[in-house]
Amino acid sequence: MLSLLADLRGASDPALVWNRCNAPPDLQLWYLASVATAVRRRLGAHPLAHELQAAVAELRNRVEARTHHLHDVKGRDLEG
Protein backbone atom coordinates (compact mmCIF):
# COMPACT_ATOMS: atom_id res chain seq x y z
CA MET A 1 0.00 0.00 0.00
CA LEU A 2 2.77 2.40 0.91
CA SER A 3 4.73 1.58 -2.24
CA LEU A 4 1.59 2.19 -4.32
CA LEU A 5 1.23 5.61 -2.70
CA ALA A 6 4.90 6.40 -3.28
CA ASP A 7 4.54 5.47 -6.95
CA LEU A 8 1.38 7.57 -7.32
CA ARG A 9 3.04 10.56 -5.66
CA GLY A 10 5.97 10.39 -8.07
CA ALA A 11 4.09 9.53 -11.25
CA SER A 12 3.66 12.04 -14.02
CA ASP A 13 0.71 9.91 -15.17
CA PRO A 14 -1.03 8.12 -12.29
CA ALA A 15 -3.03 6.00 -14.76
CA LEU A 16 0.16 4.12 -15.58
CA VAL A 17 0.52 3.18 -11.90
CA TRP A 18 -3.10 2.06 -11.56
CA ASN A 19 -2.89 0.07 -14.80
CA ARG A 20 -0.08 -2.11 -13.41
CA CYS A 21 -2.54 -3.69 -11.01
CA ASN A 22 -4.95 -6.51 -11.78
CA ALA A 23 -8.04 -4.73 -10.44
CA PRO A 24 -9.52 -1.27 -10.96
CA PRO A 25 -8.67 1.42 -8.39
CA ASP A 26 -12.02 1.21 -6.57
CA LEU A 27 -11.57 -2.53 -5.93
CA GLN A 28 -7.97 -2.02 -4.89
CA LEU A 29 -9.12 0.64 -2.46
CA TRP A 30 -11.80 -1.68 -1.06
CA TYR A 31 -9.23 -4.44 -0.51
CA LEU A 32 -6.63 -2.17 1.06
CA ALA A 33 -9.22 -0.53 3.31
CA SER A 34 -10.30 -4.01 4.45
CA VAL A 35 -6.70 -4.88 5.27
CA ALA A 36 -6.25 -1.64 7.22
CA THR A 37 -9.47 -2.31 9.15
CA ALA A 38 -8.33 -5.83 10.03
CA VAL A 39 -4.96 -4.50 11.20
CA ARG A 40 -6.66 -1.84 13.33
CA ARG A 41 -8.93 -4.45 14.92
CA ARG A 42 -5.97 -6.67 15.68
CA LEU A 43 -3.43 -4.04 16.76
CA GLY A 44 -5.69 -1.34 18.18
CA ALA A 45 -3.89 1.98 18.57
CA HIS A 46 -0.57 0.70 17.26
CA PRO A 47 1.25 3.26 15.06
CA LEU A 48 1.18 0.85 12.10
CA ALA A 49 -2.62 0.78 12.24
CA HIS A 50 -2.70 4.59 12.17
CA GLU A 51 -0.22 4.70 9.29
CA LEU A 52 -2.30 2.27 7.25
CA GLN A 53 -5.51 4.22 7.95
CA ALA A 54 -3.79 7.43 6.80
CA ALA A 55 -2.54 5.68 3.65
CA VAL A 56 -6.06 4.43 2.89
CA ALA A 57 -7.44 7.95 3.34
CA GLU A 58 -4.89 9.32 0.86
CA LEU A 59 -5.61 6.53 -1.61
CA ARG A 60 -9.34 7.18 -1.26
CA ASN A 61 -8.74 10.86 -2.10
CA ARG A 62 -6.68 9.88 -5.13
CA VAL A 63 -9.26 7.37 -6.35
CA GLU A 64 -12.06 9.93 -5.94
CA ALA A 65 -10.02 12.61 -7.73
CA ARG A 66 -9.28 10.17 -10.56
CA THR A 67 -12.95 9.24 -10.82
CA HIS A 68 -14.01 12.90 -10.96
CA HIS A 69 -11.34 13.60 -13.59
CA LEU A 70 -12.50 10.69 -15.74
CA HIS A 71 -16.12 11.84 -15.52
CA ASP A 72 -15.09 15.39 -16.49
CA VAL A 73 -13.13 14.10 -19.48
CA LYS A 74 -16.01 11.88 -20.63
CA GLY A 75 -18.44 14.79 -20.25
CA ARG A 76 -16.24 17.00 -22.41
CA ASP A 77 -16.01 14.24 -25.03
CA LEU A 78 -19.79 14.02 -25.15
CA GLU A 79 -20.15 17.78 -25.54
CA GLY A 80 -17.56 18.07 -28.32
PDB file of N, CA and C in Angstrom:
ATOM      1  N   MET A   1       0.831  -1.186   0.000  1.00  0.00           N
ATOM      2  CA  MET A   1       0.000   0.000   0.000  1.00  0.00           C
ATOM      3  C   MET A   1       0.874   1.247   0.000  1.00  0.00           C
ATOM      4  N   LEU A   2       1.905   1.228   0.836  1.00  0.00           N
ATOM      5  CA  LEU A   2       2.769   2.405   0.914  1.00  0.00           C
ATOM      6  C   LEU A   2       3.594   2.573  -0.359  1.00  0.00           C
ATOM      7  N   SER A   3       3.982   1.468  -0.978  1.00  0.00           N
ATOM      8  CA  SER A   3       4.726   1.583  -2.236  1.00  0.00           C
ATOM      9  C   SER A   3       3.808   2.079  -3.360  1.00  0.00           C
ATOM     10  N   LEU A   4       2.549   1.676  -3.341  1.00  0.00           N
ATOM     11  CA  LEU A   4       1.591   2.188  -4.317  1.00  0.00           C
ATOM     12  C   LEU A   4       1.446   3.697  -4.171  1.00  0.00           C
ATOM     13  N   LEU A   5       1.326   4.172  -2.938  1.00  0.00           N
ATOM     14  CA  LEU A   5       1.231   5.612  -2.703  1.00  0.00           C
ATOM     15  C   LEU A   5       2.488   6.335  -3.165  1.00  0.00           C
ATOM     16  N   ALA A   6       3.639   5.774  -2.854  1.00  0.00           N
ATOM     17  CA  ALA A   6       4.897   6.403  -3.278  1.00  0.00           C
ATOM     18  C   ALA A   6       4.959   6.505  -4.800  1.00  0.00           C
ATOM     19  N   ASP A   7       4.545   5.446  -5.486  1.00  0.00           N
ATOM     20  CA  ASP A   7       4.544   5.466  -6.945  1.00  0.00           C
ATOM     21  C   ASP A   7       3.561   6.506  -7.487  1.00  0.00           C
ATOM     22  N   LEU A   8       2.372   6.583  -6.877  1.00  0.00           N
ATOM     23  CA  LEU A   8       1.381   7.570  -7.320  1.00  0.00           C
ATOM     24  C   LEU A   8       1.874   8.991  -7.092  1.00  0.00           C
ATOM     25  N   ARG A   9       2.522   9.217  -5.966  1.00  0.00           N
ATOM     26  CA  ARG A   9       3.043  10.562  -5.665  1.00  0.00           C
ATOM     27  C   ARG A   9       4.089  10.993  -6.681  1.00  0.00           C
ATOM     28  N   GLY A  10       4.880  10.051  -7.160  1.00  0.00           N
ATOM     29  CA  GLY A  10       5.968  10.388  -8.068  1.00  0.00           C
ATOM     30  C   GLY A  10       5.637  10.267  -9.538  1.00  0.00           C
ATOM     31  N   ALA A  11       4.437   9.813  -9.853  1.00  0.00           N
ATOM     32  CA  ALA A  11       4.093   9.531 -11.247  1.00  0.00           C
ATOM     33  C   ALA A  11       3.650  10.793 -11.981  1.00  0.00           C
ATOM     34  N   SER A  12       4.157  10.953 -13.177  1.00  0.00           N
ATOM     35  CA  SER A  12       3.659  12.042 -14.024  1.00  0.00           C
ATOM     36  C   SER A  12       2.283  11.685 -14.579  1.00  0.00           C
ATOM     37  N   ASP A  13       2.017  10.384 -14.713  1.00  0.00           N
ATOM     38  CA  ASP A  13       0.709   9.907 -15.173  1.00  0.00           C
ATOM     39  C   ASP A  13       0.247   8.790 -14.239  1.00  0.00           C
ATOM     40  N   PRO A  14      -0.592   9.128 -13.250  1.00  0.00           N
ATOM     41  CA  PRO A  14      -1.033   8.118 -12.293  1.00  0.00           C
ATOM     42  C   PRO A  14      -1.751   6.930 -12.931  1.00  0.00           C
ATOM     43  N   ALA A  15      -2.346   7.113 -14.093  1.00  0.00           N
ATOM     44  CA  ALA A  15      -3.031   6.002 -14.761  1.00  0.00           C
ATOM     45  C   ALA A  15      -2.073   4.854 -15.038  1.00  0.00           C
ATOM     46  N   LEU A  16      -0.821   5.170 -15.330  1.00  0.00           N
ATOM     47  CA  LEU A  16       0.163   4.119 -15.575  1.00  0.00           C
ATOM     48  C   LEU A  16       0.406   3.285 -14.329  1.00  0.00           C
ATOM     49  N   VAL A  17       0.346   3.913 -13.161  1.00  0.00           N
ATOM     50  CA  VAL A  17       0.522   3.176 -11.904  1.00  0.00           C
ATOM     51  C   VAL A  17      -0.688   2.285 -11.661  1.00  0.00           C
ATOM     52  N   TRP A  18      -1.883   2.852 -11.788  1.00  0.00           N
ATOM     53  CA  TRP A  18      -3.103   2.064 -11.558  1.00  0.00           C
ATOM     54  C   TRP A  18      -3.198   0.910 -12.540  1.00  0.00           C
ATOM     55  N   ASN A  19      -2.763   1.102 -13.772  1.00  0.00           N
ATOM     56  CA  ASN A  19      -2.887   0.067 -14.801  1.00  0.00           C
ATOM     57  C   ASN A  19      -1.973  -1.130 -14.568  1.00  0.00           C
ATOM     58  N   ARG A  20      -0.965  -0.986 -13.714  1.00  0.00           N
ATOM     59  CA  ARG A  20      -0.076  -2.112 -13.411  1.00  0.00           C
ATOM     60  C   ARG A  20      -0.781  -3.174 -12.572  1.00  0.00           C
ATOM     61  N   CYS A  21      -1.846  -2.794 -11.922  1.00  0.00           N
ATOM     62  CA  CYS A  21      -2.542  -3.694 -11.006  1.00  0.00           C
ATOM     63  C   CYS A  21      -3.589  -4.515 -11.751  1.00  0.00           C
ATOM     64  N   ASN A  22      -4.004  -5.599 -11.142  1.00  0.00           N
ATOM     65  CA  ASN A  22      -4.955  -6.515 -11.779  1.00  0.00           C
ATOM     66  C   ASN A  22      -6.410  -6.135 -11.570  1.00  0.00           C
ATOM     67  N   ALA A  23      -6.663  -5.128 -10.730  1.00  0.00           N
ATOM     68  CA  ALA A  23      -8.038  -4.727 -10.439  1.00  0.00           C
ATOM     69  C   ALA A  23      -8.147  -3.218 -10.588  1.00  0.00           C
ATOM     70  N   PRO A  24      -9.347  -2.717 -10.854  1.00  0.00           N
ATOM     71  CA  PRO A  24      -9.518  -1.269 -10.962  1.00  0.00           C
ATOM     72  C   PRO A  24      -9.288  -0.591  -9.606  1.00  0.00           C
ATOM     73  N   PRO A  25      -8.999   0.705  -9.627  1.00  0.00           N
ATOM     74  CA  PRO A  25      -8.671   1.419  -8.389  1.00  0.00           C
ATOM     75  C   PRO A  25      -9.717   1.292  -7.286  1.00  0.00           C
ATOM     76  N   ASP A  26     -11.004   1.297  -7.626  1.00  0.00           N
ATOM     77  CA  ASP A  26     -12.019   1.206  -6.568  1.00  0.00           C
ATOM     78  C   ASP A  26     -11.981  -0.138  -5.859  1.00  0.00           C
ATOM     79  N   LEU A  27     -11.693  -1.219  -6.569  1.00  0.00           N
ATOM     80  CA  LEU A  27     -11.572  -2.530  -5.928  1.00  0.00           C
ATOM     81  C   LEU A  27     -10.278  -2.646  -5.134  1.00  0.00           C
ATOM     82  N   GLN A  28      -9.209  -2.039  -5.643  1.00  0.00           N
ATOM     83  CA  GLN A  28      -7.967  -2.018  -4.887  1.00  0.00           C
ATOM     84  C   GLN A  28      -8.160  -1.269  -3.570  1.00  0.00           C
ATOM     85  N   LEU A  29      -8.854  -0.142  -3.652  1.00  0.00           N
ATOM     86  CA  LEU A  29      -9.124   0.642  -2.457  1.00  0.00           C
ATOM     87  C   LEU A  29      -9.955  -0.167  -1.457  1.00  0.00           C
ATOM     88  N   TRP A  30     -10.980  -0.849  -1.946  1.00  0.00           N
ATOM     89  CA  TRP A  30     -11.803  -1.676  -1.065  1.00  0.00           C
ATOM     90  C   TRP A  30     -10.944  -2.713  -0.344  1.00  0.00           C
ATOM     91  N   TYR A  31     -10.088  -3.410  -1.093  1.00  0.00           N
ATOM     92  CA  TYR A  31      -9.231  -4.440  -0.510  1.00  0.00           C
ATOM     93  C   TYR A  31      -8.276  -3.841   0.521  1.00  0.00           C
ATOM     94  N   LEU A  32      -7.602  -2.769   0.154  1.00  0.00           N
ATOM     95  CA  LEU A  32      -6.628  -2.166   1.062  1.00  0.00           C
ATOM     96  C   LEU A  32      -7.296  -1.582   2.307  1.00  0.00           C
ATOM     97  N   ALA A  33      -8.483  -1.025   2.147  1.00  0.00           N
ATOM     98  CA  ALA A  33      -9.223  -0.528   3.309  1.00  0.00           C
ATOM     99  C   ALA A  33      -9.610  -1.688   4.221  1.00  0.00           C
ATOM    100  N   SER A  34      -9.969  -2.827   3.649  1.00  0.00           N
ATOM    101  CA  SER A  34     -10.297  -4.011   4.448  1.00  0.00           C
ATOM    102  C   SER A  34      -9.086  -4.503   5.225  1.00  0.00           C
ATOM    103  N   VAL A  35      -7.930  -4.490   4.590  1.00  0.00           N
ATOM    104  CA  VAL A  35      -6.696  -4.883   5.269  1.00  0.00           C
ATOM    105  C   VAL A  35      -6.405  -3.922   6.429  1.00  0.00           C
ATOM    106  N   ALA A  36      -6.519  -2.629   6.176  1.00  0.00           N
ATOM    107  CA  ALA A  36      -6.253  -1.639   7.222  1.00  0.00           C
ATOM    108  C   ALA A  36      -7.226  -1.800   8.390  1.00  0.00           C
ATOM    109  N   THR A  37      -8.482  -2.093   8.098  1.00  0.00           N
ATOM    110  CA  THR A  37      -9.471  -2.311   9.150  1.00  0.00           C
ATOM    111  C   THR A  37      -9.124  -3.547   9.982  1.00  0.00           C
ATOM    112  N   ALA A  38      -8.718  -4.611   9.323  1.00  0.00           N
ATOM    113  CA  ALA A  38      -8.329  -5.833  10.034  1.00  0.00           C
ATOM    114  C   ALA A  38      -7.108  -5.582  10.925  1.00  0.00           C
ATOM    115  N   VAL A  39      -6.150  -4.824  10.407  1.00  0.00           N
ATOM    116  CA  VAL A  39      -4.957  -4.500  11.201  1.00  0.00           C
ATOM    117  C   VAL A  39      -5.346  -3.662  12.416  1.00  0.00           C
ATOM    118  N   ARG A  40      -6.232  -2.694  12.209  1.00  0.00           N
ATOM    119  CA  ARG A  40      -6.662  -1.844  13.326  1.00  0.00           C
ATOM    120  C   ARG A  40      -7.379  -2.668  14.392  1.00  0.00           C
ATOM    121  N   ARG A  41      -8.226  -3.589  13.966  1.00  0.00           N
ATOM    122  CA  ARG A  41      -8.933  -4.447  14.924  1.00  0.00           C
ATOM    123  C   ARG A  41      -7.963  -5.311  15.716  1.00  0.00           C
ATOM    124  N   ARG A  42      -6.938  -5.774  15.040  1.00  0.00           N
ATOM    125  CA  ARG A  42      -5.968  -6.672  15.685  1.00  0.00           C
ATOM    126  C   ARG A  42      -4.970  -5.910  16.557  1.00  0.00           C
ATOM    127  N   LEU A  43      -4.501  -4.761  16.064  1.00  0.00           N
ATOM    128  CA  LEU A  43      -3.435  -4.035  16.760  1.00  0.00           C
ATOM    129  C   LEU A  43      -3.921  -2.847  17.582  1.00  0.00           C
ATOM    130  N   GLY A  44      -5.164  -2.470  17.405  1.00  0.00           N
ATOM    131  CA  GLY A  44      -5.693  -1.338  18.177  1.00  0.00           C
ATOM    132  C   GLY A  44      -5.015  -0.034  17.791  1.00  0.00           C
ATOM    133  N   ALA A  45      -4.478   0.650  18.783  1.00  0.00           N
ATOM    134  CA  ALA A  45      -3.895   1.983  18.573  1.00  0.00           C
ATOM    135  C   ALA A  45      -2.426   1.936  18.159  1.00  0.00           C
ATOM    136  N   HIS A  46      -1.966   0.821  17.692  1.00  0.00           N
ATOM    137  CA  HIS A  46      -0.568   0.701  17.260  1.00  0.00           C
ATOM    138  C   HIS A  46      -0.282   1.701  16.133  1.00  0.00           C
ATOM    139  N   PRO A  47       0.920   2.285  16.119  1.00  0.00           N
ATOM    140  CA  PRO A  47       1.255   3.259  15.065  1.00  0.00           C
ATOM    141  C   PRO A  47       1.096   2.713  13.641  1.00  0.00           C
ATOM    142  N   LEU A  48       1.346   1.434  13.437  1.00  0.00           N
ATOM    143  CA  LEU A  48       1.178   0.855  12.099  1.00  0.00           C
ATOM    144  C   LEU A  48      -0.281   0.941  11.655  1.00  0.00           C
ATOM    145  N   ALA A  49      -1.202   0.691  12.580  1.00  0.00           N
ATOM    146  CA  ALA A  49      -2.621   0.777  12.241  1.00  0.00           C
ATOM    147  C   ALA A  49      -2.985   2.197  11.824  1.00  0.00           C
ATOM    148  N   HIS A  50      -2.449   3.186  12.532  1.00  0.00           N
ATOM    149  CA  HIS A  50      -2.705   4.586  12.173  1.00  0.00           C
ATOM    150  C   HIS A  50      -2.096   4.931  10.818  1.00  0.00           C
ATOM    151  N   GLU A  51      -0.888   4.436  10.562  1.00  0.00           N
ATOM    152  CA  GLU A  51      -0.219   4.702   9.288  1.00  0.00           C
ATOM    153  C   GLU A  51      -1.010   4.103   8.117  1.00  0.00           C
ATOM    154  N   LEU A  52      -1.520   2.900   8.305  1.00  0.00           N
ATOM    155  CA  LEU A  52      -2.303   2.272   7.245  1.00  0.00           C
ATOM    156  C   LEU A  52      -3.617   3.012   7.019  1.00  0.00           C
ATOM    157  N   GLN A  53      -4.266   3.454   8.096  1.00  0.00           N
ATOM    158  CA  GLN A  53      -5.507   4.217   7.946  1.00  0.00           C
ATOM    159  C   GLN A  53      -5.250   5.523   7.192  1.00  0.00           C
ATOM    160  N   ALA A  54      -4.135   6.185   7.499  1.00  0.00           N
ATOM    161  CA  ALA A  54      -3.786   7.426   6.798  1.00  0.00           C
ATOM    162  C   ALA A  54      -3.502   7.150   5.325  1.00  0.00           C
ATOM    163  N   ALA A  55      -2.832   6.044   5.043  1.00  0.00           N
ATOM    164  CA  ALA A  55      -2.544   5.679   3.655  1.00  0.00           C
ATOM    165  C   ALA A  55      -3.839   5.397   2.895  1.00  0.00           C
ATOM    166  N   VAL A  56      -4.776   4.700   3.528  1.00  0.00           N
ATOM    167  CA  VAL A  56      -6.063   4.426   2.887  1.00  0.00           C
ATOM    168  C   VAL A  56      -6.801   5.732   2.611  1.00  0.00           C
ATOM    169  N   ALA A  57      -6.759   6.661   3.548  1.00  0.00           N
ATOM    170  CA  ALA A  57      -7.435   7.950   3.340  1.00  0.00           C
ATOM    171  C   ALA A  57      -6.843   8.678   2.135  1.00  0.00           C
ATOM    172  N   GLU A  58      -5.514   8.666   2.012  1.00  0.00           N
ATOM    173  CA  GLU A  58      -4.891   9.322   0.862  1.00  0.00           C
ATOM    174  C   GLU A  58      -5.245   8.601  -0.433  1.00  0.00           C
ATOM    175  N   LEU A  59      -5.222   7.280  -0.410  1.00  0.00           N
ATOM    176  CA  LEU A  59      -5.605   6.528  -1.610  1.00  0.00           C
ATOM    177  C   LEU A  59      -7.052   6.816  -1.985  1.00  0.00           C
ATOM    178  N   ARG A  60      -7.933   6.886  -0.986  1.00  0.00           N
ATOM    179  CA  ARG A  60      -9.340   7.183  -1.260  1.00  0.00           C
ATOM    180  C   ARG A  60      -9.460   8.543  -1.955  1.00  0.00           C
ATOM    181  N   ASN A  61      -8.726   9.531  -1.462  1.00  0.00           N
ATOM    182  CA  ASN A  61      -8.742  10.857  -2.095  1.00  0.00           C
ATOM    183  C   ASN A  61      -8.253  10.787  -3.536  1.00  0.00           C
ATOM    184  N   ARG A  62      -7.211  10.004  -3.769  1.00  0.00           N
ATOM    185  CA  ARG A  62      -6.675   9.885  -5.127  1.00  0.00           C
ATOM    186  C   ARG A  62      -7.646   9.150  -6.052  1.00  0.00           C
ATOM    187  N   VAL A  63      -8.289   8.101  -5.538  1.00  0.00           N
ATOM    188  CA  VAL A  63      -9.263   7.371  -6.351  1.00  0.00           C
ATOM    189  C   VAL A  63     -10.443   8.279  -6.686  1.00  0.00           C
ATOM    190  N   GLU A  64     -10.936   9.022  -5.688  1.00  0.00           N
ATOM    191  CA  GLU A  64     -12.062   9.925  -5.938  1.00  0.00           C
ATOM    192  C   GLU A  64     -11.680  11.025  -6.930  1.00  0.00           C
ATOM    193  N   ALA A  65     -10.477  11.571  -6.798  1.00  0.00           N
ATOM    194  CA  ALA A  65     -10.024  12.612  -7.729  1.00  0.00           C
ATOM    195  C   ALA A  65      -9.911  12.037  -9.142  1.00  0.00           C
ATOM    196  N   ARG A  66      -9.404  10.816  -9.249  1.00  0.00           N
ATOM    197  CA  ARG A  66      -9.276  10.168 -10.563  1.00  0.00           C
ATOM    198  C   ARG A  66     -10.657   9.933 -11.165  1.00  0.00           C
ATOM    199  N   THR A  67     -11.586   9.494 -10.352  1.00  0.00           N
ATOM    200  CA  THR A  67     -12.949   9.238 -10.822  1.00  0.00           C
ATOM    201  C   THR A  67     -13.597  10.526 -11.307  1.00  0.00           C
ATOM    202  N   HIS A  68     -13.436  11.614 -10.544  1.00  0.00           N
ATOM    203  CA  HIS A  68     -14.006  12.898 -10.960  1.00  0.00           C
ATOM    204  C   HIS A  68     -13.366  13.378 -12.256  1.00  0.00           C
ATOM    205  N   HIS A  69     -12.049  13.197 -12.370  1.00  0.00           N
ATOM    206  CA  HIS A  69     -11.341  13.604 -13.587  1.00  0.00           C
ATOM    207  C   HIS A  69     -11.862  12.820 -14.791  1.00  0.00           C
ATOM    208  N   LEU A  70     -12.014  11.508 -14.629  1.00  0.00           N
ATOM    209  CA  LEU A  70     -12.501  10.689 -15.743  1.00  0.00           C
ATOM    210  C   LEU A  70     -13.907  11.092 -16.151  1.00  0.00           C
ATOM    211  N   HIS A  71     -14.761  11.414 -15.175  1.00  0.00           N
ATOM    212  CA  HIS A  71     -16.120  11.843 -15.516  1.00  0.00           C
ATOM    213  C   HIS A  71     -16.094  13.187 -16.240  1.00  0.00           C
ATOM    214  N   ASP A  72     -15.205  14.092 -15.806  1.00  0.00           N
ATOM    215  CA  ASP A  72     -15.088  15.387 -16.485  1.00  0.00           C
ATOM    216  C   ASP A  72     -14.630  15.206 -17.925  1.00  0.00           C
ATOM    217  N   VAL A  73     -13.649  14.341 -18.133  1.00  0.00           N
ATOM    218  CA  VAL A  73     -13.129  14.098 -19.482  1.00  0.00           C
ATOM    219  C   VAL A  73     -14.209  13.478 -20.355  1.00  0.00           C
ATOM    220  N   LYS A  74     -14.944  12.507 -19.841  1.00  0.00           N
ATOM    221  CA  LYS A  74     -16.009  11.880 -20.627  1.00  0.00           C
ATOM    222  C   LYS A  74     -17.099  12.890 -20.948  1.00  0.00           C
ATOM    223  N   GLY A  75     -17.427  13.765 -20.009  1.00  0.00           N
ATOM    224  CA  GLY A  75     -18.436  14.789 -20.248  1.00  0.00           C
ATOM    225  C   GLY A  75     -18.022  15.743 -21.343  1.00  0.00           C
ATOM    226  N   ARG A  76     -16.737  16.124 -21.351  1.00  0.00           N
ATOM    227  CA  ARG A  76     -16.239  17.002 -22.414  1.00  0.00           C
ATOM    228  C   ARG A  76     -16.277  16.306 -23.755  1.00  0.00           C
ATOM    229  N   ASP A  77     -15.962  14.994 -23.785  1.00  0.00           N
ATOM    230  CA  ASP A  77     -16.009  14.237 -25.032  1.00  0.00           C
ATOM    231  C   ASP A  77     -17.421  14.186 -25.590  1.00  0.00           C
ATOM    232  N   LEU A  78     -18.397  14.069 -24.703  1.00  0.00           N
ATOM    233  CA  LEU A  78     -19.794  14.018 -25.153  1.00  0.00           C
ATOM    234  C   LEU A  78     -20.264  15.355 -25.679  1.00  0.00           C
ATOM    235  N   GLU A  79     -19.738  16.447 -25.105  1.00  0.00           N
ATOM    236  CA  GLU A  79     -20.147  17.784 -25.536  1.00  0.00           C
ATOM    237  C   GLU A  79     -19.529  18.157 -26.867  1.00  0.00           C
ATOM    238  N   GLY A  80     -18.308  17.655 -27.130  1.00  0.00           N
ATOM    239  CA  GLY A  80     -17.563  18.073 -28.319  1.00  0.00           C
ATOM    240  C   GLY A  80     -17.956  17.305 -29.500  1.00  0.00           C
TER     241      GLY A  80
END
